Amino acid sequence: MKIKFANCSHLKSIMKLQNLVKENITNKDMLVTLSEDEILENIGNKVLCICEIEDTIVGFRSMHIPKNDYLSKYIPDTQISTHNIIYSDISIVHPDYRGLGLQKKMGEWLFERIPEGYTIIMATVHPDNIASIKDKFHHGMHIIAKDFVYGDKVRYIFLKYRDERRKCGEEIAVHVDDVYKIERLLNEGLIAVDIRDNLLIFTK
């Protein structure tokens, strides 16, 4: 297995893999795909990596440097600079290679190579995408909000301050299906920092 930054020669393979994964997803709302232009932009910014096994691309993962930021409005700190924000974007793994932890491994590789100057990492995840929720928590992100993004698609909003080591207080466990309590706690300013046995762990 080899993880490395993608280049333009990988574009067709990346698009083919993305289309394959989208076709195999039951709930299409869970995945917002990237256009060729977006992929090329991320490749140019050196924020998109691929995972190869025996010279075949079996996964890719991308960050995104937003030109039109739409997530910083959820950050409680109004003094932050939007120029420091980078998004943890799409993660794609070939169906035949799931269960090998490739999403996590690509994330670890990519997070270590976030360009200098970007100190705030944000992401969105569909509430039913437990694997991606676990992935974001693994990388030190936490849920700060839940809202409709990309039009009418409901998403958790994740945030991480680069190099932050958060100290958590008293924990409140809420089942992932308890929509009303989750939204109430988020509205009260609590954040979700982990998931255990289908329980979201909230703290202040």
C-alpha atoms as a PDB file:
ATOM      1  CA  MET A   1       0.000   0.000   0.000  1.00  0.00           C
ATOM      2  CA  LYS A   2       1.294   3.441  -0.939  1.00  0.00           C
ATOM      3  CA  ILE A   3      -0.198   6.845  -0.118  1.00  0.00           C
ATOM      4  CA  LYS A   4       0.991   9.891  -2.051  1.00  0.00           C
ATOM      5  CA  PHE A   5      -0.218  13.190  -3.443  1.00  0.00           C
ATOM      6  CA  ALA A   6      -2.194  12.866  -6.660  1.00  0.00           C
ATOM      7  CA  ASN A   7      -1.188  14.524  -9.901  1.00  0.00           C
ATOM      8  CA  CYS A   8      -3.143  15.351 -13.049  1.00  0.00           C
ATOM      9  CA  SER A   9      -2.389  11.962 -14.604  1.00  0.00           C
ATOM     10  CA  HIS A  10      -4.540  10.346 -11.903  1.00  0.00           C
ATOM     11  CA  LEU A  11      -7.672  12.347 -12.759  1.00  0.00           C
ATOM     12  CA  LYS A  12      -9.464   9.702 -14.852  1.00  0.00           C
ATOM     13  CA  SER A  13      -8.849   6.966 -12.271  1.00  0.00           C
ATOM     14  CA  ILE A  14     -10.064   9.222  -9.462  1.00  0.00           C
ATOM     15  CA  MET A  15     -13.254  10.130 -11.328  1.00  0.00           C
ATOM     16  CA  LYS A  16     -13.901   6.491 -12.223  1.00  0.00           C
ATOM     17  CA  LEU A  17     -13.500   5.416  -8.597  1.00  0.00           C
ATOM     18  CA  GLN A  18     -15.731   8.230  -7.351  1.00  0.00           C
ATOM     19  CA  ASN A  19     -18.491   7.271  -9.804  1.00  0.00           C
ATOM     20  CA  LEU A  20     -18.214   3.600  -8.824  1.00  0.00           C
ATOM     21  CA  VAL A  21     -18.611   4.396  -5.128  1.00  0.00           C
ATOM     22  CA  LYS A  22     -21.534   6.737  -5.774  1.00  0.00           C
ATOM     23  CA  GLU A  23     -23.340   4.028  -7.741  1.00  0.00           C
ATOM     24  CA  ASN A  24     -22.950   1.627  -4.819  1.00  0.00           C
ATOM     25  CA  ILE A  25     -24.348   3.987  -2.171  1.00  0.00           C
ATOM     26  CA  THR A  26     -27.968   3.358  -1.205  1.00  0.00           C
ATOM     27  CA  ASN A  27     -28.536   6.829   0.275  1.00  0.00           C
ATOM     28  CA  LYS A  28     -27.223   9.204  -2.385  1.00  0.00           C
ATOM     29  CA  ASP A  29     -27.536  12.185  -0.003  1.00  0.00           C
ATOM     30  CA  MET A  30     -24.615  10.817   2.025  1.00  0.00           C
ATOM     31  CA  LEU A  31     -22.074  11.694  -0.654  1.00  0.00           C
ATOM     32  CA  VAL A  32     -21.483  15.022  -2.368  1.00  0.00           C
ATOM     33  CA  THR A  33     -19.080  14.297  -5.214  1.00  0.00           C
ATOM     34  CA  LEU A  34     -16.415  16.526  -6.711  1.00  0.00           C
ATOM     35  CA  SER A  35     -16.315  17.784 -10.278  1.00  0.00           C
ATOM     36  CA  GLU A  36     -13.227  17.371 -12.456  1.00  0.00           C
ATOM     37  CA  ASP A  37     -12.402  21.046 -11.947  1.00  0.00           C
ATOM     38  CA  GLU A  38     -12.644  20.701  -8.156  1.00  0.00           C
ATOM     39  CA  ILE A  39     -10.414  17.633  -8.178  1.00  0.00           C
ATOM     40  CA  LEU A  40      -7.854  19.396 -10.361  1.00  0.00           C
ATOM     41  CA  GLU A  41      -7.943  22.418  -8.051  1.00  0.00           C
ATOM     42  CA  ASN A  42      -7.291  20.230  -5.004  1.00  0.00           C
ATOM     43  CA  ILE A  43      -4.509  18.386  -6.831  1.00  0.00           C
ATOM     44  CA  GLY A  44      -2.928  21.724  -7.720  1.00  0.00           C
ATOM     45  CA  ASN A  45      -3.084  22.831  -4.098  1.00  0.00           C
ATOM     46  CA  LYS A  46      -1.464  19.547  -2.979  1.00  0.00           C
ATOM     47  CA  VAL A  47      -4.344  18.623  -0.697  1.00  0.00           C
ATOM     48  CA  LEU A  48      -5.546  15.448  -2.457  1.00  0.00           C
ATOM     49  CA  CYS A  49      -3.886  12.098  -1.870  1.00  0.00           C
ATOM     50  CA  ILE A  50      -4.398   8.671  -3.415  1.00  0.00           C
ATOM     51  CA  CYS A  51      -3.929   5.195  -1.983  1.00  0.00           C
ATOM     52  CA  GLU A  52      -2.462   2.613  -4.342  1.00  0.00           C
ATOM     53  CA  ILE A  53      -2.321  -1.142  -3.933  1.00  0.00           C
ATOM     54  CA  GLU A  54      -0.343  -2.959  -6.608  1.00  0.00           C
ATOM     55  CA  ASP A  55      -0.272   0.240  -8.703  1.00  0.00           C
ATOM     56  CA  THR A  56      -4.079   0.520  -8.679  1.00  0.00           C
ATOM     57  CA  ILE A  57      -5.836   3.475  -7.068  1.00  0.00           C
ATOM     58  CA  VAL A  58      -8.198   1.993  -4.463  1.00  0.00           C
ATOM     59  CA  GLY A  59      -8.928   5.188  -2.539  1.00  0.00           C
ATOM     60  CA  PHE A  60      -8.448   8.918  -2.420  1.00  0.00           C
ATOM     61  CA  ARG A  61      -8.969  11.619   0.140  1.00  0.00           C
ATOM     62  CA  SER A  62      -9.006  15.362  -0.239  1.00  0.00           C
ATOM     63  CA  MET A  63      -8.855  18.566   1.723  1.00  0.00           C
ATOM     64  CA  HIS A  64     -10.172  21.769   0.140  1.00  0.00           C
ATOM     65  CA  ILE A  65      -9.053  25.377   0.429  1.00  0.00           C
ATOM     66  CA  PRO A  66     -12.350  27.282   0.138  1.00  0.00           C
ATOM     67  CA  LYS A  67     -12.643  30.315  -2.083  1.00  0.00           C
ATOM     68  CA  ASN A  68     -16.191  30.866  -0.826  1.00  0.00           C
ATOM     69  CA  ASP A  69     -16.237  29.798   2.810  1.00  0.00           C
ATOM     70  CA  TYR A  70     -19.647  28.588   4.032  1.00  0.00           C
ATOM     71  CA  LEU A  71     -18.713  26.827   7.290  1.00  0.00           C
ATOM     72  CA  SER A  72     -16.941  29.427   9.436  1.00  0.00           C
ATOM     73  CA  LYS A  73     -20.311  30.977  10.345  1.00  0.00           C
ATOM     74  CA  TYR A  74     -20.829  27.996  12.669  1.00  0.00           C
ATOM     75  CA  ILE A  75     -17.686  28.731  14.699  1.00  0.00           C
ATOM     76  CA  PRO A  76     -18.581  30.374  18.042  1.00  0.00           C
ATOM     77  CA  ASP A  77     -15.389  32.471  18.009  1.00  0.00           C
ATOM     78  CA  THR A  78     -16.218  35.511  15.866  1.00  0.00           C
ATOM     79  CA  GLN A  79     -12.595  36.718  15.918  1.00  0.00           C
ATOM     80  CA  ILE A  80     -11.236  33.940  13.696  1.00  0.00           C
ATOM     81  CA  SER A  81      -9.759  34.683  10.286  1.00  0.00           C
ATOM     82  CA  THR A  82     -11.440  32.878   7.411  1.00  0.00           C
ATOM     83  CA  HIS A  83      -8.100  32.916   5.575  1.00  0.00           C
ATOM     84  CA  ASN A  84      -6.872  30.221   7.980  1.00  0.00           C
ATOM     85  CA  ILE A  85      -9.652  27.715   7.210  1.00  0.00           C
ATOM     86  CA  ILE A  86      -9.255  24.491   5.280  1.00  0.00           C
ATOM     87  CA  TYR A  87     -11.949  21.859   4.781  1.00  0.00           C
ATOM     88  CA  SER A  88     -11.537  18.134   5.256  1.00  0.00           C
ATOM     89  CA  ASP A  89     -13.417  17.175   2.141  1.00  0.00           C
ATOM     90  CA  ILE A  90     -14.216  13.873   0.421  1.00  0.00           C
ATOM     91  CA  SER A  91     -12.960  10.368   1.292  1.00  0.00           C
ATOM     92  CA  ILE A  92     -13.489   7.554  -1.194  1.00  0.00           C
ATOM     93  CA  VAL A  93     -12.523   3.877  -0.835  1.00  0.00           C
ATOM     94  CA  HIS A  94     -13.206   1.154  -3.397  1.00  0.00           C
ATOM     95  CA  PRO A  95     -15.934  -1.220  -2.077  1.00  0.00           C
ATOM     96  CA  ASP A  96     -13.571  -4.204  -2.407  1.00  0.00           C
ATOM     97  CA  TYR A  97     -11.026  -2.587  -0.092  1.00  0.00           C
ATOM     98  CA  ARG A  98     -13.244  -1.438   2.760  1.00  0.00           C
ATOM     99  CA  GLY A  99     -12.494  -2.679   6.242  1.00  0.00           C
ATOM    100  CA  LEU A 100      -8.752  -2.096   5.891  1.00  0.00           C
ATOM    101  CA  GLY A 101      -8.773   1.294   7.577  1.00  0.00           C
ATOM    102  CA  LEU A 102      -7.776   3.094   4.385  1.00  0.00           C
ATOM    103  CA  GLN A 103      -9.917   6.159   5.098  1.00  0.00           C
ATOM    104  CA  LYS A 104      -8.216   6.578   8.477  1.00  0.00           C
ATOM    105  CA  LYS A 105      -4.725   5.961   7.070  1.00  0.00           C
ATOM    106  CA  MET A 106      -5.197   8.452   4.255  1.00  0.00           C
ATOM    107  CA  GLY A 107      -6.544  10.953   6.779  1.00  0.00           C
ATOM    108  CA  GLU A 108      -3.529  10.549   9.061  1.00  0.00           C
ATOM    109  CA  TRP A 109      -1.195  11.001   6.089  1.00  0.00           C
ATOM    110  CA  LEU A 110      -3.062  14.049   4.796  1.00  0.00           C
ATOM    111  CA  PHE A 111      -3.588  15.777   8.167  1.00  0.00           C
ATOM    112  CA  GLU A 112       0.176  15.649   8.753  1.00  0.00           C
ATOM    113  CA  ARG A 113       0.670  17.501   5.461  1.00  0.00           C
ATOM    114  CA  ILE A 114      -1.863  20.319   5.767  1.00  0.00           C
ATOM    115  CA  PRO A 115      -0.235  23.410   4.252  1.00  0.00           C
ATOM    116  CA  GLU A 116       1.283  25.915   6.668  1.00  0.00           C
ATOM    117  CA  GLY A 117      -0.983  28.754   7.721  1.00  0.00           C
ATOM    118  CA  TYR A 118      -4.194  26.735   7.893  1.00  0.00           C
ATOM    119  CA  THR A 119      -5.021  26.468  11.578  1.00  0.00           C
ATOM    120  CA  ILE A 120      -8.761  25.746  11.423  1.00  0.00           C
ATOM    121  CA  ILE A 121     -10.038  22.495   9.898  1.00  0.00           C
ATOM    122  CA  MET A 122     -13.737  22.050   9.186  1.00  0.00           C
ATOM    123  CA  ALA A 123     -15.861  19.297   7.663  1.00  0.00           C
ATOM    124  CA  THR A 124     -19.423  18.149   7.107  1.00  0.00           C
ATOM    125  CA  VAL A 125     -20.759  14.614   7.568  1.00  0.00           C
ATOM    126  CA  HIS A 126     -24.191  13.079   7.020  1.00  0.00           C
ATOM    127  CA  PRO A 127     -25.644  12.039  10.435  1.00  0.00           C
ATOM    128  CA  ASP A 128     -26.114   8.456   9.211  1.00  0.00           C
ATOM    129  CA  ASN A 129     -22.523   8.086   8.015  1.00  0.00           C
ATOM    130  CA  ILE A 130     -21.160   6.516  11.189  1.00  0.00           C
ATOM    131  CA  ALA A 131     -17.853   5.501   9.586  1.00  0.00           C
ATOM    132  CA  SER A 132     -17.073   9.098   8.592  1.00  0.00           C
ATOM    133  CA  ILE A 133     -18.215  10.422  11.978  1.00  0.00           C
ATOM    134  CA  LYS A 134     -15.790   8.019  13.687  1.00  0.00           C
ATOM    135  CA  ASP A 135     -13.097   9.085  11.249  1.00  0.00           C
ATOM    136  CA  LYS A 136     -13.500  12.780  12.054  1.00  0.00           C
ATOM    137  CA  PHE A 137     -13.370  12.098  15.800  1.00  0.00           C
ATOM    138  CA  HIS A 138     -10.218  10.015  15.266  1.00  0.00           C
ATOM    139  CA  HIS A 139      -8.539  13.063  13.752  1.00  0.00           C
ATOM    140  CA  GLY A 140      -9.455  15.248  16.722  1.00  0.00           C
ATOM    141  CA  MET A 141     -12.445  17.028  15.206  1.00  0.00           C
ATOM    142  CA  HIS A 142     -15.669  17.664  17.105  1.00  0.00           C
ATOM    143  CA  ILE A 143     -19.283  18.423  16.166  1.00  0.00           C
ATOM    144  CA  ILE A 144     -20.293  22.027  16.757  1.00  0.00           C
ATOM    145  CA  ALA A 145     -23.565  22.220  14.814  1.00  0.00           C
ATOM    146  CA  LYS A 146     -26.139  20.449  12.688  1.00  0.00           C
ATOM    147  CA  ASP A 147     -27.712  22.195   9.735  1.00  0.00           C
ATOM    148  CA  PHE A 148     -28.766  21.967   6.094  1.00  0.00           C
ATOM    149  CA  VAL A 149     -25.750  22.350   3.804  1.00  0.00           C
ATOM    150  CA  TYR A 150     -25.426  21.993   0.024  1.00  0.00           C
ATOM    151  CA  GLY A 151     -29.050  23.046  -0.357  1.00  0.00           C
ATOM    152  CA  ASP A 152     -31.294  20.594   1.448  1.00  0.00           C
ATOM    153  CA  LYS A 153     -28.718  18.075   2.736  1.00  0.00           C
ATOM    154  CA  VAL A 154     -28.549  17.739   6.516  1.00  0.00           C
ATOM    155  CA  ARG A 155     -25.026  17.588   7.906  1.00  0.00           C
ATOM    156  CA  TYR A 156     -23.069  17.631  11.128  1.00  0.00           C
ATOM    157  CA  ILE A 157     -20.531  20.466  11.130  1.00  0.00           C
ATOM    158  CA  PHE A 158     -17.108  19.442  12.450  1.00  0.00           C
ATOM    159  CA  LEU A 159     -14.337  21.719  13.701  1.00  0.00           C
ATOM    160  CA  LYS A 160     -10.729  21.300  14.773  1.00  0.00           C
ATOM    161  CA  TYR A 161      -8.174  23.904  15.754  1.00  0.00           C
ATOM    162  CA  ARG A 162      -4.835  22.659  14.477  1.00  0.00           C
ATOM    163  CA  ASP A 163      -2.568  21.298  17.234  1.00  0.00           C
ATOM    164  CA  GLU A 164      -5.289  21.839  19.843  1.00  0.00           C
ATOM    165  CA  ARG A 165      -5.385  19.385  22.746  1.00  0.00           C
ATOM    166  CA  ARG A 166      -8.875  19.694  24.146  1.00  0.00           C
ATOM    167  CA  LYS A 167      -9.607  18.915  27.804  1.00  0.00           C
ATOM    168  CA  CYS A 168     -13.128  17.551  28.143  1.00  0.00           C
ATOM    169  CA  GLY A 169     -15.387  18.093  31.122  1.00  0.00           C
ATOM    170  CA  GLU A 170     -18.402  16.126  32.251  1.00  0.00           C
ATOM    171  CA  GLU A 171     -19.752  13.849  29.525  1.00  0.00           C
ATOM    172  CA  ILE A 172     -23.323  13.404  28.322  1.00  0.00           C
ATOM    173  CA  ALA A 173     -24.055  10.331  26.171  1.00  0.00           C
ATOM    174  CA  VAL A 174     -26.861  10.568  23.600  1.00  0.00           C
ATOM    175  CA  HIS A 175     -27.982   7.869  21.177  1.00  0.00           C
ATOM    176  CA  VAL A 176     -27.302   8.778  17.549  1.00  0.00           C
ATOM    177  CA  ASP A 177     -31.025   8.440  16.752  1.00  0.00           C
ATOM    178  CA  ASP A 178     -32.102  10.902  19.474  1.00  0.00           C
ATOM    179  CA  VAL A 179     -32.307  13.794  17.027  1.00  0.00           C
ATOM    180  CA  TYR A 180     -34.095  16.230  19.317  1.00  0.00           C
ATOM    181  CA  LYS A 181     -31.698  15.861  22.245  1.00  0.00           C
ATOM    182  CA  ILE A 182     -28.667  16.117  19.943  1.00  0.00           C
ATOM    183  CA  GLU A 183     -29.983  19.344  18.431  1.00  0.00           C
ATOM    184  CA  ARG A 184     -30.874  20.736  21.864  1.00  0.00           C
ATOM    185  CA  LEU A 185     -27.378  20.119  23.246  1.00  0.00           C
ATOM    186  CA  LEU A 186     -25.732  21.650  20.174  1.00  0.00           C
ATOM    187  CA  ASN A 187     -28.010  24.691  20.472  1.00  0.00           C
ATOM    188  CA  GLU A 188     -26.976  24.992  24.122  1.00  0.00           C
ATOM    189  CA  GLY A 189     -23.349  25.239  23.081  1.00  0.00           C
ATOM    190  CA  LEU A 190     -22.195  21.714  23.881  1.00  0.00           C
ATOM    191  CA  ILE A 191     -20.006  19.826  21.412  1.00  0.00           C
ATOM    192  CA  ALA A 192     -19.797  16.148  20.500  1.00  0.00           C
ATOM    193  CA  VAL A 193     -16.262  14.787  20.888  1.00  0.00           C
ATOM    194  CA  ASP A 194     -16.621  11.028  20.422  1.00  0.00           C
ATOM    195  CA  ILE A 195     -18.916   8.158  19.494  1.00  0.00           C
ATOM    196  CA  ARG A 196     -19.112   4.930  21.494  1.00  0.00           C
ATOM    197  CA  ASP A 197     -21.552   2.101  20.832  1.00  0.00           C
ATOM    198  CA  ASN A 198     -23.830   4.406  18.809  1.00  0.00           C
ATOM    199  CA  LEU A 199     -23.737   7.012  21.567  1.00  0.00           C
ATOM    200  CA  LEU A 200     -22.523  10.532  20.772  1.00  0.00           C
ATOM    201  CA  ILE A 201     -20.454  11.880  23.660  1.00  0.00           C
ATOM    202  CA  PHE A 202     -21.116  15.544  24.417  1.00  0.00           C
ATOM    203  CA  THR A 203     -19.178  17.916  26.634  1.00  0.00           C
ATOM    204  CA  LYS A 204     -18.709  21.655  27.140  1.00  0.00           C
END
